[in-house]
Amino acid sequence: QVQFVESGGGLVQAGGSLRLSCAPSGRTFSISNMGWYRQAPGKQRELTAFISSSGNTNYADSVKGRFTISRDNAKNIVYLQMNSLKPEDTAVYYCNRVPAGMWGQGTQVTVSS
């Protein structure tokens, strides 16, 4: 199975922005539906943003209007632009197929108030 490597997380103040990137580890993979998931401490992992193989997107209500998912199929990279970050966005963020396959390590996003 293909595993994905996430990057771009960090510590940011409320109202700030971050851009996450995701690329497959190892061999390339066929174009498929992709998503950014997140898991906050003590909570279940949830699908936050979705992009289909054709580029259609959908978002959880909690991030709608603030997050933007995009993909570069030529480079096999999926991005998540996060603006107007809030402390409740603090979580480990993962990218994966939808439905999910093997999980990577994720990237930590911490938003301070």
PDB file of N, CA and C in Angstrom:
ATOM      1  N   GLN A   1       0.831  -1.196   0.000  1.00  0.00           N
ATOM      2  CA  GLN A   1       0.000   0.000   0.000  1.00  0.00           C
ATOM      3  C   GLN A   1       0.869   1.250   0.000  1.00  0.00           C
ATOM      4  N   VAL A   2       0.333   2.313  -0.572  1.00  0.00           N
ATOM      5  CA  VAL A   2       1.046   3.584  -0.593  1.00  0.00           C
ATOM      6  C   VAL A   2       0.879   4.284   0.751  1.00  0.00           C
ATOM      7  N   GLN A   3       1.994   4.817   1.248  1.00  0.00           N
ATOM      8  CA  GLN A   3       1.952   5.623   2.464  1.00  0.00           C
ATOM      9  C   GLN A   3       2.279   7.055   2.087  1.00  0.00           C
ATOM     10  N   PHE A   4       1.702   8.001   2.817  1.00  0.00           N
ATOM     11  CA  PHE A   4       1.889   9.397   2.493  1.00  0.00           C
ATOM     12  C   PHE A   4       2.727  10.096   3.556  1.00  0.00           C
ATOM     13  N   VAL A   5       3.504  11.090   3.130  1.00  0.00           N
ATOM     14  CA  VAL A   5       4.353  11.866   4.022  1.00  0.00           C
ATOM     15  C   VAL A   5       3.835  13.292   4.069  1.00  0.00           C
ATOM     16  N   GLU A   6       3.480  13.725   5.283  1.00  0.00           N
ATOM     17  CA  GLU A   6       2.941  15.059   5.473  1.00  0.00           C
ATOM     18  C   GLU A   6       4.028  16.002   5.986  1.00  0.00           C
ATOM     19  N   SER A   7       3.926  17.271   5.611  1.00  0.00           N
ATOM     20  CA  SER A   7       4.880  18.276   6.084  1.00  0.00           C
ATOM     21  C   SER A   7       4.193  19.638   6.134  1.00  0.00           C
ATOM     22  N   GLY A   8       4.838  20.580   6.817  1.00  0.00           N
ATOM     23  CA  GLY A   8       4.349  21.950   6.841  1.00  0.00           C
ATOM     24  C   GLY A   8       3.692  22.376   8.136  1.00  0.00           C
ATOM     25  N   GLY A   9       3.571  21.470   9.085  1.00  0.00           N
ATOM     26  CA  GLY A   9       2.963  21.827  10.357  1.00  0.00           C
ATOM     27  C   GLY A   9       3.891  22.703  11.184  1.00  0.00           C
ATOM     28  N   GLY A  10       3.367  23.168  12.313  1.00  0.00           N
ATOM     29  CA  GLY A  10       4.178  23.990  13.197  1.00  0.00           C
ATOM     30  C   GLY A  10       3.321  24.694  14.227  1.00  0.00           C
ATOM     31  N   LEU A  11       3.934  25.655  14.884  1.00  0.00           N
ATOM     32  CA  LEU A  11       3.268  26.460  15.908  1.00  0.00           C
ATOM     33  C   LEU A  11       2.944  27.821  15.309  1.00  0.00           C
ATOM     34  N   VAL A  12       1.698  28.242  15.442  1.00  0.00           N
ATOM     35  CA  VAL A  12       1.270  29.512  14.884  1.00  0.00           C
ATOM     36  C   VAL A  12       0.276  30.158  15.834  1.00  0.00           C
ATOM     37  N   GLN A  13       0.231  31.474  15.826  1.00  0.00           N
ATOM     38  CA  GLN A  13      -0.735  32.181  16.654  1.00  0.00           C
ATOM     39  C   GLN A  13      -2.121  32.160  16.005  1.00  0.00           C
ATOM     40  N   ALA A  14      -3.126  32.301  16.816  1.00  0.00           N
ATOM     41  CA  ALA A  14      -4.494  32.367  16.308  1.00  0.00           C
ATOM     42  C   ALA A  14      -4.602  33.478  15.261  1.00  0.00           C
ATOM     43  N   GLY A  15      -5.291  33.175  14.183  1.00  0.00           N
ATOM     44  CA  GLY A  15      -5.418  34.114  13.081  1.00  0.00           C
ATOM     45  C   GLY A  15      -4.374  33.928  12.007  1.00  0.00           C
ATOM     46  N   GLY A  16      -3.359  33.116  12.289  1.00  0.00           N
ATOM     47  CA  GLY A  16      -2.292  32.897  11.334  1.00  0.00           C
ATOM     48  C   GLY A  16      -2.639  31.851  10.296  1.00  0.00           C
ATOM     49  N   SER A  17      -1.646  31.547   9.457  1.00  0.00           N
ATOM     50  CA  SER A  17      -1.842  30.613   8.349  1.00  0.00           C
ATOM     51  C   SER A  17      -0.721  29.591   8.301  1.00  0.00           C
ATOM     52  N   LEU A  18      -1.040  28.435   7.756  1.00  0.00           N
ATOM     53  CA  LEU A  18      -0.062  27.394   7.463  1.00  0.00           C
ATOM     54  C   LEU A  18      -0.472  26.707   6.174  1.00  0.00           C
ATOM     55  N   ARG A  19       0.511  26.145   5.493  1.00  0.00           N
ATOM     56  CA  ARG A  19       0.246  25.353   4.292  1.00  0.00           C
ATOM     57  C   ARG A  19       0.854  23.983   4.472  1.00  0.00           C
ATOM     58  N   LEU A  20       0.026  22.982   4.466  1.00  0.00           N
ATOM     59  CA  LEU A  20       0.481  21.599   4.581  1.00  0.00           C
ATOM     60  C   LEU A  20       0.644  20.986   3.202  1.00  0.00           C
ATOM     61  N   SER A  21       1.611  20.073   3.108  1.00  0.00           N
ATOM     62  CA  SER A  21       1.845  19.350   1.860  1.00  0.00           C
ATOM     63  C   SER A  21       1.868  17.863   2.145  1.00  0.00           C
ATOM     64  N   CYS A  22       1.541  17.098   1.125  1.00  0.00           N
ATOM     65  CA  CYS A  22       1.474  15.641   1.268  1.00  0.00           C
ATOM     66  C   CYS A  22       1.945  15.009  -0.028  1.00  0.00           C
ATOM     67  N   ALA A  23       2.847  14.054   0.081  1.00  0.00           N
ATOM     68  CA  ALA A  23       3.336  13.352  -1.095  1.00  0.00           C
ATOM     69  C   ALA A  23       3.436  11.870  -0.777  1.00  0.00           C
ATOM     70  N   PRO A  24       3.309  11.011  -1.767  1.00  0.00           N
ATOM     71  CA  PRO A  24       3.419   9.583  -1.512  1.00  0.00           C
ATOM     72  C   PRO A  24       4.861   9.185  -1.238  1.00  0.00           C
ATOM     73  N   SER A  25       5.036   8.258  -0.328  1.00  0.00           N
ATOM     74  CA  SER A  25       6.355   7.730  -0.029  1.00  0.00           C
ATOM     75  C   SER A  25       6.628   6.557  -0.968  1.00  0.00           C
ATOM     76  N   GLY A  26       7.726   6.605  -1.657  1.00  0.00           N
ATOM     77  CA  GLY A  26       8.050   5.509  -2.547  1.00  0.00           C
ATOM     78  C   GLY A  26       7.470   5.719  -3.924  1.00  0.00           C
ATOM     79  N   ARG A  27       6.930   4.670  -4.463  1.00  0.00           N
ATOM     80  CA  ARG A  27       6.471   4.728  -5.845  1.00  0.00           C
ATOM     81  C   ARG A  27       5.246   5.621  -5.987  1.00  0.00           C
ATOM     82  N   THR A  28       5.016   6.077  -7.190  1.00  0.00           N
ATOM     83  CA  THR A  28       3.861   6.938  -7.434  1.00  0.00           C
ATOM     84  C   THR A  28       2.579   6.129  -7.328  1.00  0.00           C
ATOM     85  N   PHE A  29       1.476   6.822  -7.206  1.00  0.00           N
ATOM     86  CA  PHE A  29       0.204   6.137  -7.055  1.00  0.00           C
ATOM     87  C   PHE A  29      -0.779   6.691  -8.071  1.00  0.00           C
ATOM     88  N   SER A  30      -1.768   5.911  -8.364  1.00  0.00           N
ATOM     89  CA  SER A  30      -2.758   6.354  -9.334  1.00  0.00           C
ATOM     90  C   SER A  30      -3.623   7.442  -8.716  1.00  0.00           C
ATOM     91  N   ILE A  31      -4.100   8.330  -9.535  1.00  0.00           N
ATOM     92  CA  ILE A  31      -4.928   9.432  -9.060  1.00  0.00           C
ATOM     93  C   ILE A  31      -6.169   8.872  -8.391  1.00  0.00           C
ATOM     94  N   SER A  32      -6.472   9.369  -7.214  1.00  0.00           N
ATOM     95  CA  SER A  32      -7.628   8.894  -6.479  1.00  0.00           C
ATOM     96  C   SER A  32      -8.183  10.031  -5.629  1.00  0.00           C
ATOM     97  N   ASN A  33      -9.319   9.763  -5.014  1.00  0.00           N
ATOM     98  CA  ASN A  33      -9.876  10.728  -4.073  1.00  0.00           C
ATOM     99  C   ASN A  33      -8.958  10.829  -2.864  1.00  0.00           C
ATOM    100  N   MET A  34      -8.692  12.076  -2.428  1.00  0.00           N
ATOM    101  CA  MET A  34      -7.772  12.308  -1.323  1.00  0.00           C
ATOM    102  C   MET A  34      -8.415  13.193  -0.268  1.00  0.00           C
ATOM    103  N   GLY A  35      -7.896  13.086   0.932  1.00  0.00           N
ATOM    104  CA  GLY A  35      -8.432  13.908   2.007  1.00  0.00           C
ATOM    105  C   GLY A  35      -7.370  14.288   3.015  1.00  0.00           C
ATOM    106  N   TRP A  36      -7.624  15.375   3.711  1.00  0.00           N
ATOM    107  CA  TRP A  36      -6.848  15.740   4.900  1.00  0.00           C
ATOM    108  C   TRP A  36      -7.718  15.421   6.111  1.00  0.00           C
ATOM    109  N   TYR A  37      -7.132  14.664   7.020  1.00  0.00           N
ATOM    110  CA  TYR A  37      -7.788  14.282   8.248  1.00  0.00           C
ATOM    111  C   TYR A  37      -7.042  14.959   9.400  1.00  0.00           C
ATOM    112  N   ARG A  38      -7.700  15.046  10.548  1.00  0.00           N
ATOM    113  CA  ARG A  38      -6.999  15.533  11.725  1.00  0.00           C
ATOM    114  C   ARG A  38      -7.492  14.802  12.972  1.00  0.00           C
ATOM    115  N   GLN A  39      -6.583  14.723  13.938  1.00  0.00           N
ATOM    116  CA  GLN A  39      -6.919  14.087  15.206  1.00  0.00           C
ATOM    117  C   GLN A  39      -6.434  14.970  16.339  1.00  0.00           C
ATOM    118  N   ALA A  40      -7.365  15.533  17.066  1.00  0.00           N
ATOM    119  CA  ALA A  40      -7.039  16.359  18.215  1.00  0.00           C
ATOM    120  C   ALA A  40      -6.882  15.462  19.437  1.00  0.00           C
ATOM    121  N   PRO A  41      -6.172  15.934  20.455  1.00  0.00           N
ATOM    122  CA  PRO A  41      -5.969  15.118  21.666  1.00  0.00           C
ATOM    123  C   PRO A  41      -7.294  14.667  22.266  1.00  0.00           C
ATOM    124  N   GLY A  42      -7.400  13.365  22.508  1.00  0.00           N
ATOM    125  CA  GLY A  42      -8.596  12.823  23.135  1.00  0.00           C
ATOM    126  C   GLY A  42      -9.794  12.690  22.217  1.00  0.00           C
ATOM    127  N   LYS A  43      -9.611  12.954  20.928  1.00  0.00           N
ATOM    128  CA  LYS A  43     -10.721  12.881  19.983  1.00  0.00           C
ATOM    129  C   LYS A  43     -10.415  11.897  18.865  1.00  0.00           C
ATOM    130  N   GLN A  44     -11.469  11.495  18.173  1.00  0.00           N
ATOM    131  CA  GLN A  44     -11.287  10.592  17.046  1.00  0.00           C
ATOM    132  C   GLN A  44     -10.777  11.351  15.826  1.00  0.00           C
ATOM    133  N   ARG A  45     -10.100  10.628  14.949  1.00  0.00           N
ATOM    134  CA  ARG A  45      -9.648  11.214  13.702  1.00  0.00           C
ATOM    135  C   ARG A  45     -10.864  11.531  12.835  1.00  0.00           C
ATOM    136  N   GLU A  46     -10.829  12.697  12.201  1.00  0.00           N
ATOM    137  CA  GLU A  46     -11.958  13.120  11.387  1.00  0.00           C
ATOM    138  C   GLU A  46     -11.484  13.629  10.033  1.00  0.00           C
ATOM    139  N   LEU A  47     -12.315  13.415   9.028  1.00  0.00           N
ATOM    140  CA  LEU A  47     -12.025  13.937   7.698  1.00  0.00           C
ATOM    141  C   LEU A  47     -12.373  15.423   7.669  1.00  0.00           C
ATOM    142  N   THR A  48     -11.392  16.247   7.334  1.00  0.00           N
ATOM    143  CA  THR A  48     -11.558  17.687   7.395  1.00  0.00           C
ATOM    144  C   THR A  48     -11.780  18.294   6.017  1.00  0.00           C
ATOM    145  N   ALA A  49     -11.072  17.791   5.030  1.00  0.00           N
ATOM    146  CA  ALA A  49     -11.178  18.331   3.678  1.00  0.00           C
ATOM    147  C   ALA A  49     -11.012  17.190   2.680  1.00  0.00           C
ATOM    148  N   PHE A  50     -11.751  17.262   1.595  1.00  0.00           N
ATOM    149  CA  PHE A  50     -11.791  16.197   0.599  1.00  0.00           C
ATOM    150  C   PHE A  50     -11.613  16.794  -0.790  1.00  0.00           C
ATOM    151  N   ILE A  51     -10.850  16.072  -1.643  1.00  0.00           N
ATOM    152  CA  ILE A  51     -10.751  16.469  -3.034  1.00  0.00           C
ATOM    153  C   ILE A  51     -10.841  15.219  -3.890  1.00  0.00           C
ATOM    154  N   SER A  52     -11.701  15.253  -4.871  1.00  0.00           N
ATOM    155  CA  SER A  52     -11.876  14.088  -5.723  1.00  0.00           C
ATOM    156  C   SER A  52     -10.773  14.034  -6.782  1.00  0.00           C
ATOM    157  N   SER A  53     -10.731  12.937  -7.488  1.00  0.00           N
ATOM    158  CA  SER A  53      -9.732  12.767  -8.542  1.00  0.00           C
ATOM    159  C   SER A  53      -9.914  13.821  -9.636  1.00  0.00           C
ATOM    160  N   SER A  54     -11.121  14.343  -9.783  1.00  0.00           N
ATOM    161  CA  SER A  54     -11.395  15.365 -10.796  1.00  0.00           C
ATOM    162  C   SER A  54     -11.320  16.787 -10.249  1.00  0.00           C
ATOM    163  N   GLY A  55     -11.040  16.921  -8.941  1.00  0.00           N
ATOM    164  CA  GLY A  55     -10.843  18.248  -8.371  1.00  0.00           C
ATOM    165  C   GLY A  55     -12.014  18.830  -7.598  1.00  0.00           C
ATOM    166  N   ASN A  56     -13.093  18.098  -7.471  1.00  0.00           N
ATOM    167  CA  ASN A  56     -14.208  18.586  -6.648  1.00  0.00           C
ATOM    168  C   ASN A  56     -13.816  18.526  -5.181  1.00  0.00           C
ATOM    169  N   THR A  57     -14.237  19.530  -4.420  1.00  0.00           N
ATOM    170  CA  THR A  57     -13.838  19.615  -3.019  1.00  0.00           C
ATOM    171  C   THR A  57     -15.046  19.667  -2.091  1.00  0.00           C
ATOM    172  N   ASN A  58     -14.781  19.284  -0.847  1.00  0.00           N
ATOM    173  CA  ASN A  58     -15.805  19.368   0.190  1.00  0.00           C
ATOM    174  C   ASN A  58     -15.078  19.523   1.522  1.00  0.00           C
ATOM    175  N   TYR A  59     -15.737  20.220   2.474  1.00  0.00           N
ATOM    176  CA  TYR A  59     -15.088  20.536   3.743  1.00  0.00           C
ATOM    177  C   TYR A  59     -16.014  20.280   4.919  1.00  0.00           C
ATOM    178  N   ALA A  60     -15.391  19.976   6.050  1.00  0.00           N
ATOM    179  CA  ALA A  60     -16.153  19.925   7.287  1.00  0.00           C
ATOM    180  C   ALA A  60     -16.627  21.334   7.613  1.00  0.00           C
ATOM    181  N   ASP A  61     -17.781  21.427   8.253  1.00  0.00           N
ATOM    182  CA  ASP A  61     -18.346  22.738   8.580  1.00  0.00           C
ATOM    183  C   ASP A  61     -17.380  23.579   9.411  1.00  0.00           C
ATOM    184  N   SER A  62     -16.594  22.926  10.254  1.00  0.00           N
ATOM    185  CA  SER A  62     -15.713  23.638  11.178  1.00  0.00           C
ATOM    186  C   SER A  62     -14.576  24.376  10.467  1.00  0.00           C
ATOM    187  N   VAL A  63     -14.272  24.000   9.226  1.00  0.00           N
ATOM    188  CA  VAL A  63     -13.155  24.632   8.513  1.00  0.00           C
ATOM    189  C   VAL A  63     -13.593  25.309   7.231  1.00  0.00           C
ATOM    190  N   LYS A  64     -14.857  25.200   6.880  1.00  0.00           N
ATOM    191  CA  LYS A  64     -15.367  25.767   5.635  1.00  0.00           C
ATOM    192  C   LYS A  64     -15.128  27.271   5.609  1.00  0.00           C
ATOM    193  N   GLY A  65     -14.586  27.755   4.502  1.00  0.00           N
ATOM    194  CA  GLY A  65     -14.297  29.175   4.362  1.00  0.00           C
ATOM    195  C   GLY A  65     -12.919  29.574   4.857  1.00  0.00           C
ATOM    196  N   ARG A  66     -12.242  28.664   5.582  1.00  0.00           N
ATOM    197  CA  ARG A  66     -10.908  28.970   6.115  1.00  0.00           C
ATOM    198  C   ARG A  66      -9.824  28.080   5.505  1.00  0.00           C
ATOM    199  N   PHE A  67     -10.178  26.832   5.211  1.00  0.00           N
ATOM    200  CA  PHE A  67      -9.214  25.870   4.654  1.00  0.00           C
ATOM    201  C   PHE A  67      -9.499  25.649   3.173  1.00  0.00           C
ATOM    202  N   THR A  68      -8.429  25.413   2.412  1.00  0.00           N
ATOM    203  CA  THR A  68      -8.562  25.093   0.996  1.00  0.00           C
ATOM    204  C   THR A  68      -7.669  23.911   0.655  1.00  0.00           C
ATOM    205  N   ILE A  69      -8.275  22.869   0.111  1.00  0.00           N
ATOM    206  CA  ILE A  69      -7.516  21.699  -0.331  1.00  0.00           C
ATOM    207  C   ILE A  69      -7.307  21.809  -1.835  1.00  0.00           C
ATOM    208  N   SER A  70      -6.125  21.402  -2.274  1.00  0.00           N
ATOM    209  CA  SER A  70      -5.824  21.420  -3.705  1.00  0.00           C
ATOM    210  C   SER A  70      -4.846  20.294  -4.006  1.00  0.00           C
ATOM    211  N   ARG A  71      -4.661  20.019  -5.280  1.00  0.00           N
ATOM    212  CA  ARG A  71      -3.753  18.941  -5.657  1.00  0.00           C
ATOM    213  C   ARG A  71      -3.038  19.289  -6.951  1.00  0.00           C
ATOM    214  N   ASP A  72      -1.821  18.771  -7.049  1.00  0.00           N
ATOM    215  CA  ASP A  72      -1.026  18.873  -8.272  1.00  0.00           C
ATOM    216  C   ASP A  72      -0.808  17.447  -8.736  1.00  0.00           C
ATOM    217  N   ASN A  73      -1.623  17.006  -9.678  1.00  0.00           N
ATOM    218  CA  ASN A  73      -1.556  15.602 -10.097  1.00  0.00           C
ATOM    219  C   ASN A  73      -0.244  15.260 -10.790  1.00  0.00           C
ATOM    220  N   ALA A  74       0.351  16.223 -11.451  1.00  0.00           N
ATOM    221  CA  ALA A  74       1.617  15.970 -12.137  1.00  0.00           C
ATOM    222  C   ALA A  74       2.737  15.668 -11.137  1.00  0.00           C
ATOM    223  N   LYS A  75       2.657  16.313  -9.973  1.00  0.00           N
ATOM    224  CA  LYS A  75       3.694  16.119  -8.948  1.00  0.00           C
ATOM    225  C   LYS A  75       3.239  15.169  -7.839  1.00  0.00           C
ATOM    226  N   ASN A  76       1.994  14.695  -7.923  1.00  0.00           N
ATOM    227  CA  ASN A  76       1.458  13.818  -6.882  1.00  0.00           C
ATOM    228  C   ASN A  76       1.507  14.461  -5.504  1.00  0.00           C
ATOM    229  N   ILE A  77       1.168  15.722  -5.421  1.00  0.00           N
ATOM    230  CA  ILE A  77       1.171  16.437  -4.142  1.00  0.00           C
ATOM    231  C   ILE A  77      -0.238  16.956  -3.861  1.00  0.00           C
ATOM    232  N   VAL A  78      -0.615  16.836  -2.620  1.00  0.00           N
ATOM    233  CA  VAL A  78      -1.886  17.391  -2.160  1.00  0.00           C
ATOM    234  C   VAL A  78      -1.573  18.453  -1.099  1.00  0.00           C
ATOM    235  N   TYR A  79      -2.249  19.582  -1.175  1.00  0.00           N
ATOM    236  CA  TYR A  79      -1.991  20.691  -0.257  1.00  0.00           C
ATOM    237  C   TYR A  79      -3.217  20.978   0.601  1.00  0.00           C
ATOM    238  N   LEU A  80      -2.957  21.597   1.750  1.00  0.00           N
ATOM    239  CA  LEU A  80      -4.031  22.140   2.565  1.00  0.00           C
ATOM    240  C   LEU A  80      -3.595  23.526   3.026  1.00  0.00           C
ATOM    241  N   GLN A  81      -4.221  24.539   2.484  1.00  0.00           N
ATOM    242  CA  GLN A  81      -3.972  25.913   2.916  1.00  0.00           C
ATOM    243  C   GLN A  81      -4.930  26.225   4.055  1.00  0.00           C
ATOM    244  N   MET A  82      -4.369  26.589   5.186  1.00  0.00           N
ATOM    245  CA  MET A  82      -5.173  26.852   6.381  1.00  0.00           C
ATOM    246  C   MET A  82      -5.003  28.314   6.782  1.00  0.00           C
ATOM    247  N   ASN A  83      -6.087  29.052   6.738  1.00  0.00           N
ATOM    248  CA  ASN A  83      -6.076  30.458   7.110  1.00  0.00           C
ATOM    249  C   ASN A  83      -6.965  30.694   8.323  1.00  0.00           C
ATOM    250  N   SER A  84      -6.800  31.840   8.942  1.00  0.00           N
ATOM    251  CA  SER A  84      -7.619  32.217  10.114  1.00  0.00           C
ATOM    252  C   SER A  84      -7.658  31.084  11.136  1.00  0.00           C
ATOM    253  N   LEU A  85      -6.494  30.551  11.438  1.00  0.00           N
ATOM    254  CA  LEU A  85      -6.421  29.398  12.342  1.00  0.00           C
ATOM    255  C   LEU A  85      -6.903  29.739  13.734  1.00  0.00           C
ATOM    256  N   LYS A  86      -7.521  28.746  14.362  1.00  0.00           N
ATOM    257  CA  LYS A  86      -8.074  28.886  15.707  1.00  0.00           C
ATOM    258  C   LYS A  86      -7.426  27.860  16.623  1.00  0.00           C
ATOM    259  N   PRO A  87      -7.409  28.102  17.932  1.00  0.00           N
ATOM    260  CA  PRO A  87      -6.840  27.108  18.853  1.00  0.00           C
ATOM    261  C   PRO A  87      -7.489  25.730  18.698  1.00  0.00           C
ATOM    262  N   GLU A  88      -8.758  25.676  18.361  1.00  0.00           N
ATOM    263  CA  GLU A  88      -9.433  24.390  18.199  1.00  0.00           C
ATOM    264  C   GLU A  88      -9.007  23.645  16.933  1.00  0.00           C
ATOM    265  N   ASP A  89      -8.181  24.262  16.093  1.00  0.00           N
ATOM    266  CA  ASP A  89      -7.612  23.571  14.944  1.00  0.00           C
ATOM    267  C   ASP A  89      -6.373  22.773  15.337  1.00  0.00           C
ATOM    268  N   THR A  90      -5.924  22.916  16.567  1.00  0.00           N
ATOM    269  CA  THR A  90      -4.754  22.174  17.038  1.00  0.00           C
ATOM    270  C   THR A  90      -5.015  20.679  16.944  1.00  0.00           C
ATOM    271  N   ALA A  91      -4.124  19.977  16.233  1.00  0.00           N
ATOM    272  CA  ALA A  91      -4.297  18.544  15.993  1.00  0.00           C
ATOM    273  C   ALA A  91      -3.097  18.027  15.211  1.00  0.00           C
ATOM    274  N   VAL A  92      -3.018  16.722  15.099  1.00  0.00           N
ATOM    275  CA  VAL A  92      -2.117  16.103  14.139  1.00  0.00           C
ATOM    276  C   VAL A  92      -2.897  15.938  12.837  1.00  0.00           C
ATOM    277  N   TYR A  93      -2.315  16.414  11.756  1.00  0.00           N
ATOM    278  CA  TYR A  93      -2.981  16.384  10.453  1.00  0.00           C
ATOM    279  C   TYR A  93      -2.354  15.291   9.588  1.00  0.00           C
ATOM    280  N   TYR A  94      -3.215  14.526   8.939  1.00  0.00           N
ATOM    281  CA  TYR A  94      -2.801  13.426   8.082  1.00  0.00           C
ATOM    282  C   TYR A  94      -3.445  13.586   6.707  1.00  0.00           C
ATOM    283  N   CYS A  95      -2.742  13.149   5.684  1.00  0.00           N
ATOM    284  CA  CYS A  95      -3.409  13.024   4.396  1.00  0.00           C
ATOM    285  C   CYS A  95      -3.491  11.538   4.059  1.00  0.00           C
ATOM    286  N   ASN A  96      -4.490  11.185   3.284  1.00  0.00           N
ATOM    287  CA  ASN A  96      -4.716   9.797   2.938  1.00  0.00           C
ATOM    288  C   ASN A  96      -5.748   9.741   1.831  1.00  0.00           C
ATOM    289  N   ARG A  97      -5.844   8.570   1.242  1.00  0.00           N
ATOM    290  CA  ARG A  97      -6.934   8.353   0.304  1.00  0.00           C
ATOM    291  C   ARG A  97      -8.261   8.440   1.073  1.00  0.00           C
ATOM    292  N   VAL A  98      -9.346   8.573   0.263  1.00  0.00           N
ATOM    293  CA  VAL A  98     -10.689   8.465   0.824  1.00  0.00           C
ATOM    294  C   VAL A  98     -11.402   7.362   0.048  1.00  0.00           C
ATOM    295  N   PRO A  99     -11.763   6.247   0.678  1.00  0.00           N
ATOM    296  CA  PRO A  99     -11.517   5.888   2.076  1.00  0.00           C
ATOM    297  C   PRO A  99     -10.037   5.657   2.358  1.00  0.00           C
ATOM    298  N   ALA A 100      -9.665   5.761   3.630  1.00  0.00           N
ATOM    299  CA  ALA A 100      -8.261   5.773   4.024  1.00  0.00           C
ATOM    300  C   ALA A 100      -7.599   4.410   3.889  1.00  0.00           C
ATOM    301  N   GLY A 101      -6.296   4.468   3.533  1.00  0.00           N
ATOM    302  CA  GLY A 101      -5.457   3.279   3.519  1.00  0.00           C
ATOM    303  C   GLY A 101      -4.490   3.345   4.680  1.00  0.00           C
ATOM    304  N   MET A 102      -3.230   3.044   4.423  1.00  0.00           N
ATOM    305  CA  MET A 102      -2.210   3.051   5.465  1.00  0.00           C
ATOM    306  C   MET A 102      -1.932   4.486   5.914  1.00  0.00           C
ATOM    307  N   TRP A 103      -1.800   4.686   7.232  1.00  0.00           N
ATOM    308  CA  TRP A 103      -1.573   6.022   7.762  1.00  0.00           C
ATOM    309  C   TRP A 103      -0.082   6.335   7.842  1.00  0.00           C
ATOM    310  N   GLY A 104       0.245   7.604   7.606  1.00  0.00           N
ATOM    311  CA  GLY A 104       1.606   8.068   7.795  1.00  0.00           C
ATOM    312  C   GLY A 104       1.779   8.621   9.195  1.00  0.00           C
ATOM    313  N   GLN A 105       2.840   9.407   9.391  1.00  0.00           N
ATOM    314  CA  GLN A 105       3.144   9.947  10.717  1.00  0.00           C
ATOM    315  C   GLN A 105       2.331  11.188  11.039  1.00  0.00           C
ATOM    316  N   GLY A 106       1.868  11.870  10.023  1.00  0.00           N
ATOM    317  CA  GLY A 106       1.137  13.104  10.259  1.00  0.00           C
ATOM    318  C   GLY A 106       2.071  14.264  10.543  1.00  0.00           C
ATOM    319  N   THR A 107       1.490  15.454  10.621  1.00  0.00           N
ATOM    320  CA  THR A 107       2.252  16.655  10.958  1.00  0.00           C
ATOM    321  C   THR A 107       1.469  17.439  12.012  1.00  0.00           C
ATOM    322  N   GLN A 108       2.174  17.866  13.051  1.00  0.00           N
ATOM    323  CA  GLN A 108       1.517  18.533  14.174  1.00  0.00           C
ATOM    324  C   GLN A 108       1.258  20.002  13.841  1.00  0.00           C
ATOM    325  N   VAL A 109       0.033  20.429  14.091  1.00  0.00           N
ATOM    326  CA  VAL A 109      -0.336  21.835  13.975  1.00  0.00           C
ATOM    327  C   VAL A 109      -0.797  22.294  15.353  1.00  0.00           C
ATOM    328  N   THR A 110      -0.145  23.331  15.865  1.00  0.00           N
ATOM    329  CA  THR A 110      -0.508  23.874  17.165  1.00  0.00           C
ATOM    330  C   THR A 110      -0.817  25.356  17.010  1.00  0.00           C
ATOM    331  N   VAL A 111      -2.012  25.748  17.433  1.00  0.00           N
ATOM    332  CA  VAL A 111      -2.446  27.136  17.318  1.00  0.00           C
ATOM    333  C   VAL A 111      -2.589  27.709  18.725  1.00  0.00           C
ATOM    334  N   SER A 112      -1.803  28.721  19.015  1.00  0.00           N
ATOM    335  CA  SER A 112      -1.834  29.338  20.340  1.00  0.00           C
ATOM    336  C   SER A 112      -2.809  30.517  20.352  1.00  0.00           C
ATOM    337  N   SER A 113      -3.414  30.728  21.506  1.00  0.00           N
ATOM    338  CA  SER A 113      -4.406  31.822  21.627  1.00  0.00           C
ATOM    339  C   SER A 113      -3.743  33.126  22.023  1.00  0.00           C
TER     340      SER A 113
END
